[in-house]
Amino acid sequence: MDNATRSERSRTIALDAALTIVARDGPGRLTLDAIARESGLSKGGVMHQFRTKEGVLRALLKRQMSRFDEFATRYRAKARIESANPELATDIATVREAINSPNSAALALLAAMAESPDLMAPTRESDLQTVTAIKAEATDQDLAMLRWAAARGLLLGELLGMSPIGKSELDRLFARLLDDTQWSALERPAKPRAVKRALRAKATTARERT
């Protein structure tokens, strides 16, 4: 095994250990010493990969969000065929995936929020782009935002351990959030000026993606 492969393997082991610690003990217990103990690496080996706890969190957040970006890309291709609101459907489905996945991006988000709000800047920027795209495609922007916010609320409840909702009910609620036919009767047509703004925003988002 060459040095680059060995280094990447150690980095992966350290990040997996960090997620395990956050899931089991909470973000406050995440330290370089704890990562060394959990991973079986020496502290020097951990510090060779990450000089600080913030460095661990930054790498952890980037890795986990990349995994869910891949999920979103695959889901979006399907949603563009099946849904009238593919960007909204993709985001709701990705949130559901985060809840259902062990050691998910949600845990990385929790750890980052607990450590430093500044670590969340890339995530906030990504969310802003997502919301812009959702509004651009929506007939009723307010209703689209309510569906988006409901999915995020379900995620936060699970993330903080405060949700009284069981898994079967949670699955049912997400299925309803994803079903456009459940919401179309409630949609209010956008005003002409709002439509023009939405179309401009959608065109801008499309250019940014290309």
C-alpha atoms as a PDB file:
ATOM      1  CA  MET A   1       0.000   0.000   0.000  1.00  0.00           C
ATOM      2  CA  ASP A   2       1.547   3.330  -1.067  1.00  0.00           C
ATOM      3  CA  ASN A   3       1.654   6.395   1.186  1.00  0.00           C
ATOM      4  CA  ALA A   4      -1.215   8.194  -0.543  1.00  0.00           C
ATOM      5  CA  THR A   5      -3.526   5.184  -0.234  1.00  0.00           C
ATOM      6  CA  ARG A   6      -2.513   4.650   3.387  1.00  0.00           C
ATOM      7  CA  SER A   7      -3.162   8.313   4.185  1.00  0.00           C
ATOM      8  CA  GLU A   8      -6.601   8.262   2.541  1.00  0.00           C
ATOM      9  CA  ARG A   9      -7.483   5.090   4.430  1.00  0.00           C
ATOM     10  CA  SER A  10      -6.487   6.693   7.746  1.00  0.00           C
ATOM     11  CA  ARG A  11      -8.524   9.777   6.897  1.00  0.00           C
ATOM     12  CA  THR A  12     -11.608   7.679   6.162  1.00  0.00           C
ATOM     13  CA  ILE A  13     -11.184   5.692   9.384  1.00  0.00           C
ATOM     14  CA  ALA A  14     -10.848   8.906  11.399  1.00  0.00           C
ATOM     15  CA  LEU A  15     -13.976  10.457   9.856  1.00  0.00           C
ATOM     16  CA  ASP A  16     -15.991   7.276  10.380  1.00  0.00           C
ATOM     17  CA  ALA A  17     -14.889   7.284  14.019  1.00  0.00           C
ATOM     18  CA  ALA A  18     -15.897  10.951  14.368  1.00  0.00           C
ATOM     19  CA  LEU A  19     -19.424  10.190  13.101  1.00  0.00           C
ATOM     20  CA  THR A  20     -19.694   7.252  15.486  1.00  0.00           C
ATOM     21  CA  ILE A  21     -18.750   9.480  18.419  1.00  0.00           C
ATOM     22  CA  VAL A  22     -21.253  12.179  17.424  1.00  0.00           C
ATOM     23  CA  ALA A  23     -24.045   9.597  17.013  1.00  0.00           C
ATOM     24  CA  ARG A  24     -23.318   7.762  20.250  1.00  0.00           C
ATOM     25  CA  ASP A  25     -22.017  10.427  22.621  1.00  0.00           C
ATOM     26  CA  GLY A  26     -23.050  13.762  21.097  1.00  0.00           C
ATOM     27  CA  PRO A  27     -20.968  16.456  19.387  1.00  0.00           C
ATOM     28  CA  GLY A  28     -19.627  17.775  22.691  1.00  0.00           C
ATOM     29  CA  ARG A  29     -17.620  14.573  23.161  1.00  0.00           C
ATOM     30  CA  LEU A  30     -15.872  14.839  19.821  1.00  0.00           C
ATOM     31  CA  THR A  31     -12.147  15.435  20.384  1.00  0.00           C
ATOM     32  CA  LEU A  32      -8.965  14.351  18.630  1.00  0.00           C
ATOM     33  CA  ASP A  33      -8.216  12.058  21.570  1.00  0.00           C
ATOM     34  CA  ALA A  34     -11.664  10.483  21.293  1.00  0.00           C
ATOM     35  CA  ILE A  35     -11.206   9.964  17.563  1.00  0.00           C
ATOM     36  CA  ALA A  36      -7.858   8.257  18.197  1.00  0.00           C
ATOM     37  CA  ARG A  37      -9.398   5.911  20.754  1.00  0.00           C
ATOM     38  CA  GLU A  38     -12.419   5.112  18.611  1.00  0.00           C
ATOM     39  CA  SER A  39     -10.479   4.598  15.394  1.00  0.00           C
ATOM     40  CA  GLY A  40      -7.480   2.742  16.778  1.00  0.00           C
ATOM     41  CA  LEU A  41      -5.181   5.297  15.175  1.00  0.00           C
ATOM     42  CA  SER A  42      -2.531   7.069  17.179  1.00  0.00           C
ATOM     43  CA  LYS A  43      -3.229  10.670  18.110  1.00  0.00           C
ATOM     44  CA  GLY A  44      -0.290  11.624  15.935  1.00  0.00           C
ATOM     45  CA  GLY A  45      -1.905   9.752  13.063  1.00  0.00           C
ATOM     46  CA  VAL A  46      -5.154  11.643  13.572  1.00  0.00           C
ATOM     47  CA  MET A  47      -3.338  14.969  13.814  1.00  0.00           C
ATOM     48  CA  HIS A  48      -1.457  14.184  10.617  1.00  0.00           C
ATOM     49  CA  GLN A  49      -4.856  14.256   8.893  1.00  0.00           C
ATOM     50  CA  PHE A  50      -6.542  16.975  10.953  1.00  0.00           C
ATOM     51  CA  ARG A  51      -4.762  19.581  13.016  1.00  0.00           C
ATOM     52  CA  THR A  52      -7.892  20.685  14.899  1.00  0.00           C
ATOM     53  CA  LYS A  53     -11.395  19.554  15.792  1.00  0.00           C
ATOM     54  CA  GLU A  54     -12.726  22.210  13.427  1.00  0.00           C
ATOM     55  CA  GLY A  55     -10.722  20.609  10.633  1.00  0.00           C
ATOM     56  CA  VAL A  56     -12.391  17.268  11.396  1.00  0.00           C
ATOM     57  CA  LEU A  57     -15.837  18.842  11.354  1.00  0.00           C
ATOM     58  CA  ARG A  58     -15.179  20.703   8.130  1.00  0.00           C
ATOM     59  CA  ALA A  59     -14.017  17.514   6.390  1.00  0.00           C
ATOM     60  CA  LEU A  60     -16.862  15.507   7.904  1.00  0.00           C
ATOM     61  CA  LEU A  61     -19.483  17.975   6.773  1.00  0.00           C
ATOM     62  CA  LYS A  62     -17.999  18.159   3.271  1.00  0.00           C
ATOM     63  CA  ARG A  63     -17.896  14.368   2.914  1.00  0.00           C
ATOM     64  CA  GLN A  64     -21.407  13.773   4.181  1.00  0.00           C
ATOM     65  CA  MET A  65     -22.960  16.573   2.127  1.00  0.00           C
ATOM     66  CA  SER A  66     -21.169  15.256  -0.969  1.00  0.00           C
ATOM     67  CA  ARG A  67     -22.810  11.861  -0.423  1.00  0.00           C
ATOM     68  CA  PHE A  68     -26.247  13.415  -0.216  1.00  0.00           C
ATOM     69  CA  ASP A  69     -25.548  15.618  -3.223  1.00  0.00           C
ATOM     70  CA  GLU A  70     -24.983  12.388  -5.151  1.00  0.00           C
ATOM     71  CA  PHE A  71     -28.316  11.047  -3.901  1.00  0.00           C
ATOM     72  CA  ALA A  72     -30.034  14.298  -4.911  1.00  0.00           C
ATOM     73  CA  THR A  73     -28.540  14.171  -8.416  1.00  0.00           C
ATOM     74  CA  ARG A  74     -29.868  10.654  -8.970  1.00  0.00           C
ATOM     75  CA  TYR A  75     -33.283  11.471  -7.500  1.00  0.00           C
ATOM     76  CA  ARG A  76     -33.626  14.702  -9.493  1.00  0.00           C
ATOM     77  CA  ALA A  77     -33.366  12.814 -12.789  1.00  0.00           C
ATOM     78  CA  LYS A  78     -36.363  10.717 -11.747  1.00  0.00           C
ATOM     79  CA  ALA A  79     -38.284  13.659 -10.282  1.00  0.00           C
ATOM     80  CA  ARG A  80     -38.030  15.664 -13.502  1.00  0.00           C
ATOM     81  CA  ILE A  81     -40.087  12.949 -15.175  1.00  0.00           C
ATOM     82  CA  GLU A  82     -42.565  12.224 -12.390  1.00  0.00           C
ATOM     83  CA  SER A  83     -43.065  15.454 -10.437  1.00  0.00           C
ATOM     84  CA  ALA A  84     -44.440  18.896 -11.262  1.00  0.00           C
ATOM     85  CA  ASN A  85     -41.997  20.275  -8.688  1.00  0.00           C
ATOM     86  CA  PRO A  86     -38.761  18.312  -9.195  1.00  0.00           C
ATOM     87  CA  GLU A  87     -36.520  20.589  -7.140  1.00  0.00           C
ATOM     88  CA  LEU A  88     -38.911  20.487  -4.185  1.00  0.00           C
ATOM     89  CA  ALA A  89     -39.370  16.722  -4.506  1.00  0.00           C
ATOM     90  CA  THR A  90     -35.615  16.208  -4.632  1.00  0.00           C
ATOM     91  CA  ASP A  91     -35.000  18.234  -1.490  1.00  0.00           C
ATOM     92  CA  ILE A  92     -37.792  16.527   0.472  1.00  0.00           C
ATOM     93  CA  ALA A  93     -36.561  13.094  -0.603  1.00  0.00           C
ATOM     94  CA  THR A  94     -32.988  13.998   0.350  1.00  0.00           C
ATOM     95  CA  VAL A  95     -34.124  15.107   3.817  1.00  0.00           C
ATOM     96  CA  ARG A  96     -35.986  11.800   4.195  1.00  0.00           C
ATOM     97  CA  GLU A  97     -32.820   9.960   3.171  1.00  0.00           C
ATOM     98  CA  ALA A  98     -30.841  11.871   5.796  1.00  0.00           C
ATOM     99  CA  ILE A  99     -33.282  10.795   8.502  1.00  0.00           C
ATOM    100  CA  ASN A 100     -33.238   7.159   7.405  1.00  0.00           C
ATOM    101  CA  SER A 101     -29.480   6.861   6.954  1.00  0.00           C
ATOM    102  CA  PRO A 102     -27.324   5.883   9.933  1.00  0.00           C
ATOM    103  CA  ASN A 103     -24.337   8.173  10.488  1.00  0.00           C
ATOM    104  CA  SER A 104     -25.966  10.604   8.086  1.00  0.00           C
ATOM    105  CA  ALA A 105     -25.190  14.148   7.040  1.00  0.00           C
ATOM    106  CA  ALA A 106     -27.667  15.278   9.674  1.00  0.00           C
ATOM    107  CA  LEU A 107     -25.239  14.212  12.409  1.00  0.00           C
ATOM    108  CA  ALA A 108     -22.437  16.117  10.711  1.00  0.00           C
ATOM    109  CA  LEU A 109     -24.678  19.185  10.601  1.00  0.00           C
ATOM    110  CA  LEU A 110     -25.475  18.849  14.292  1.00  0.00           C
ATOM    111  CA  ALA A 111     -21.806  18.581  15.187  1.00  0.00           C
ATOM    112  CA  ALA A 112     -20.907  21.576  13.028  1.00  0.00           C
ATOM    113  CA  MET A 113     -23.696  23.726  14.493  1.00  0.00           C
ATOM    114  CA  ALA A 114     -22.610  22.855  18.020  1.00  0.00           C
ATOM    115  CA  GLU A 115     -18.982  23.715  17.318  1.00  0.00           C
ATOM    116  CA  SER A 116     -19.159  26.839  15.184  1.00  0.00           C
ATOM    117  CA  PRO A 117     -21.928  28.559  13.207  1.00  0.00           C
ATOM    118  CA  ASP A 118     -19.296  29.631  10.665  1.00  0.00           C
ATOM    119  CA  LEU A 119     -18.922  26.022   9.527  1.00  0.00           C
ATOM    120  CA  MET A 120     -22.506  26.165   8.292  1.00  0.00           C
ATOM    121  CA  ALA A 121     -21.873  28.920   5.728  1.00  0.00           C
ATOM    122  CA  PRO A 122     -21.531  26.554   2.711  1.00  0.00           C
ATOM    123  CA  THR A 123     -24.675  24.700   3.769  1.00  0.00           C
ATOM    124  CA  ARG A 124     -26.622  27.948   4.090  1.00  0.00           C
ATOM    125  CA  GLU A 125     -25.471  28.992   0.629  1.00  0.00           C
ATOM    126  CA  SER A 126     -26.537  25.633  -0.789  1.00  0.00           C
ATOM    127  CA  ASP A 127     -29.936  25.941   0.888  1.00  0.00           C
ATOM    128  CA  LEU A 128     -30.377  29.429  -0.552  1.00  0.00           C
ATOM    129  CA  GLN A 129     -29.774  28.088  -4.068  1.00  0.00           C
ATOM    130  CA  THR A 130     -32.189  25.225  -3.418  1.00  0.00           C
ATOM    131  CA  VAL A 131     -34.929  27.559  -2.203  1.00  0.00           C
ATOM    132  CA  THR A 132     -34.428  29.812  -5.232  1.00  0.00           C
ATOM    133  CA  ALA A 133     -34.816  26.828  -7.571  1.00  0.00           C
ATOM    134  CA  ILE A 134     -37.905  25.581  -5.698  1.00  0.00           C
ATOM    135  CA  LYS A 135     -39.592  28.981  -5.907  1.00  0.00           C
ATOM    136  CA  ALA A 136     -38.759  29.285  -9.594  1.00  0.00           C
ATOM    137  CA  GLU A 137     -40.657  26.124 -10.485  1.00  0.00           C
ATOM    138  CA  ALA A 138     -43.593  26.588  -8.075  1.00  0.00           C
ATOM    139  CA  THR A 139     -47.100  27.638  -9.028  1.00  0.00           C
ATOM    140  CA  ASP A 140     -47.627  28.678  -5.400  1.00  0.00           C
ATOM    141  CA  GLN A 141     -44.334  29.673  -3.800  1.00  0.00           C
ATOM    142  CA  ASP A 142     -45.763  29.947  -0.289  1.00  0.00           C
ATOM    143  CA  LEU A 143     -47.177  26.425  -0.423  1.00  0.00           C
ATOM    144  CA  ALA A 144     -43.887  25.094  -1.795  1.00  0.00           C
ATOM    145  CA  MET A 145     -42.021  26.733   1.082  1.00  0.00           C
ATOM    146  CA  LEU A 146     -44.456  25.246   3.595  1.00  0.00           C
ATOM    147  CA  ARG A 147     -43.766  21.757   2.213  1.00  0.00           C
ATOM    148  CA  TRP A 148     -40.030  22.439   2.271  1.00  0.00           C
ATOM    149  CA  ALA A 149     -40.167  23.754   5.841  1.00  0.00           C
ATOM    150  CA  ALA A 150     -42.278  20.802   7.001  1.00  0.00           C
ATOM    151  CA  ALA A 151     -39.635  18.359   5.778  1.00  0.00           C
ATOM    152  CA  ARG A 152     -36.891  20.321   7.523  1.00  0.00           C
ATOM    153  CA  GLY A 153     -38.943  20.422  10.711  1.00  0.00           C
ATOM    154  CA  LEU A 154     -39.346  16.639  10.678  1.00  0.00           C
ATOM    155  CA  LEU A 155     -35.584  16.330  10.223  1.00  0.00           C
ATOM    156  CA  LEU A 156     -34.798  18.635  13.140  1.00  0.00           C
ATOM    157  CA  GLY A 157     -37.218  16.814  15.413  1.00  0.00           C
ATOM    158  CA  GLU A 158     -35.473  13.519  14.685  1.00  0.00           C
ATOM    159  CA  LEU A 159     -32.038  15.094  14.883  1.00  0.00           C
ATOM    160  CA  LEU A 160     -32.619  16.571  18.315  1.00  0.00           C
ATOM    161  CA  GLY A 161     -34.380  13.486  19.637  1.00  0.00           C
ATOM    162  CA  MET A 162     -37.567  15.472  20.260  1.00  0.00           C
ATOM    163  CA  SER A 163     -39.941  13.908  17.748  1.00  0.00           C
ATOM    164  CA  PRO A 164     -42.926  11.897  19.059  1.00  0.00           C
ATOM    165  CA  ILE A 165     -43.546  10.538  15.549  1.00  0.00           C
ATOM    166  CA  GLY A 166     -42.901   6.849  14.875  1.00  0.00           C
ATOM    167  CA  LYS A 167     -41.144   5.580  11.767  1.00  0.00           C
ATOM    168  CA  SER A 168     -44.259   4.344   9.961  1.00  0.00           C
ATOM    169  CA  GLU A 169     -46.016   7.681  10.520  1.00  0.00           C
ATOM    170  CA  LEU A 170     -42.896   9.570   9.472  1.00  0.00           C
ATOM    171  CA  ASP A 171     -42.732   7.576   6.235  1.00  0.00           C
ATOM    172  CA  ARG A 172     -46.398   8.332   5.611  1.00  0.00           C
ATOM    173  CA  LEU A 173     -45.912  12.056   6.178  1.00  0.00           C
ATOM    174  CA  PHE A 174     -42.960  12.206   3.797  1.00  0.00           C
ATOM    175  CA  ALA A 175     -44.938  10.303   1.177  1.00  0.00           C
ATOM    176  CA  ARG A 176     -47.677  12.932   1.450  1.00  0.00           C
ATOM    177  CA  LEU A 177     -45.193  15.807   1.256  1.00  0.00           C
ATOM    178  CA  LEU A 178     -43.820  14.284  -1.949  1.00  0.00           C
ATOM    179  CA  ASP A 179     -47.237  13.713  -3.539  1.00  0.00           C
ATOM    180  CA  ASP A 180     -48.066  16.778  -5.662  1.00  0.00           C
ATOM    181  CA  THR A 181     -51.684  15.639  -6.040  1.00  0.00           C
ATOM    182  CA  GLN A 182     -52.185  16.158  -2.307  1.00  0.00           C
ATOM    183  CA  TRP A 183     -51.368  19.859  -2.691  1.00  0.00           C
ATOM    184  CA  SER A 184     -52.476  20.969  -6.154  1.00  0.00           C
ATOM    185  CA  ALA A 185     -56.006  21.871  -4.988  1.00  0.00           C
ATOM    186  CA  LEU A 186     -54.479  24.259  -2.436  1.00  0.00           C
ATOM    187  CA  GLU A 187     -52.246  26.094  -4.894  1.00  0.00           C
ATOM    188  CA  ARG A 188     -52.895  29.723  -5.611  1.00  0.00           C
ATOM    189  CA  PRO A 189     -51.735  30.895  -9.052  1.00  0.00           C
ATOM    190  CA  ALA A 190     -48.777  33.242  -8.831  1.00  0.00           C
ATOM    191  CA  LYS A 191     -49.281  36.879  -9.795  1.00  0.00           C
ATOM    192  CA  PRO A 192     -47.867  37.792 -13.233  1.00  0.00           C
ATOM    193  CA  ARG A 193     -45.038  39.866 -11.759  1.00  0.00           C
ATOM    194  CA  ALA A 194     -44.099  37.030  -9.396  1.00  0.00           C
ATOM    195  CA  VAL A 195     -44.082  34.601 -12.338  1.00  0.00           C
ATOM    196  CA  LYS A 196     -41.649  36.805 -14.235  1.00  0.00           C
ATOM    197  CA  ARG A 197     -39.349  37.013 -11.198  1.00  0.00           C
ATOM    198  CA  ALA A 198     -39.516  33.249 -10.746  1.00  0.00           C
ATOM    199  CA  LEU A 199     -38.661  32.621 -14.392  1.00  0.00           C
ATOM    200  CA  ARG A 200     -35.675  34.962 -14.163  1.00  0.00           C
ATOM    201  CA  ALA A 201     -34.505  33.183 -11.000  1.00  0.00           C
ATOM    202  CA  LYS A 202     -34.920  29.790 -12.660  1.00  0.00           C
ATOM    203  CA  ALA A 203     -32.873  30.916 -15.668  1.00  0.00           C
ATOM    204  CA  THR A 204     -30.136  32.211 -13.373  1.00  0.00           C
ATOM    205  CA  THR A 205     -30.047  28.932 -11.437  1.00  0.00           C
ATOM    206  CA  ALA A 206     -29.816  26.961 -14.689  1.00  0.00           C
ATOM    207  CA  ARG A 207     -26.890  29.085 -15.869  1.00  0.00           C
ATOM    208  CA  GLU A 208     -25.086  28.612 -12.544  1.00  0.00           C
ATOM    209  CA  ARG A 209     -25.429  24.831 -12.808  1.00  0.00           C
ATOM    210  CA  THR A 210     -23.919  24.833 -16.274  1.00  0.00           C
END
